[in-house]
């Protein structure tokens, strides 16, 4: 089943969800870069992929938003009492997943480094653009922390639904 249905999310939605979850966890390893200035195996082997993986996530979130809009009438039915909270929560998750890589790109370009995910130059090195570097630098880390908190909340709520309320919410995405 490719498309979503009233009973569960389809394979494309599940691939987006779990694939992006893995990449977001990988990106979260950047937090370990702050330990001992990245002088450990995580900092030296996984963190150097941060810009490339962030660029892939930006592309995937754009595709995921397009897919979600195309499937909006097929999505599993929400409890009317909490539907507004679910929509707000998902909107905030998507906003964080957009703002985080965009602010990272703004910082790189603003600092004059350009944007070269996986060695493919998308934006050339150039002069520093102070406002862009400042805005990107100001947003990137706090949004990363907020997204981490929201993802932990998302996981917690899914587990409560699955194991406390036993309403099968998690089953729809598995």
Foldseek 3Di string as FASTA:
>chain_A
DQCAAQQFHHPVLLCLVVVVVVLLVLLVLVVVCVPPVLPDDSSVPRCVQNLQSLVVLLVSLVVNVVRCVVRVVGHHDDDVVCVVVVVVLVVLLSVLSNLQNQLVQLLCQQCQNARQRVNNGPGHRDDHNPVSNVSSVVPHPVSSVVSVVSVVVVVVVQCCCCPVVVPCPVVRSD
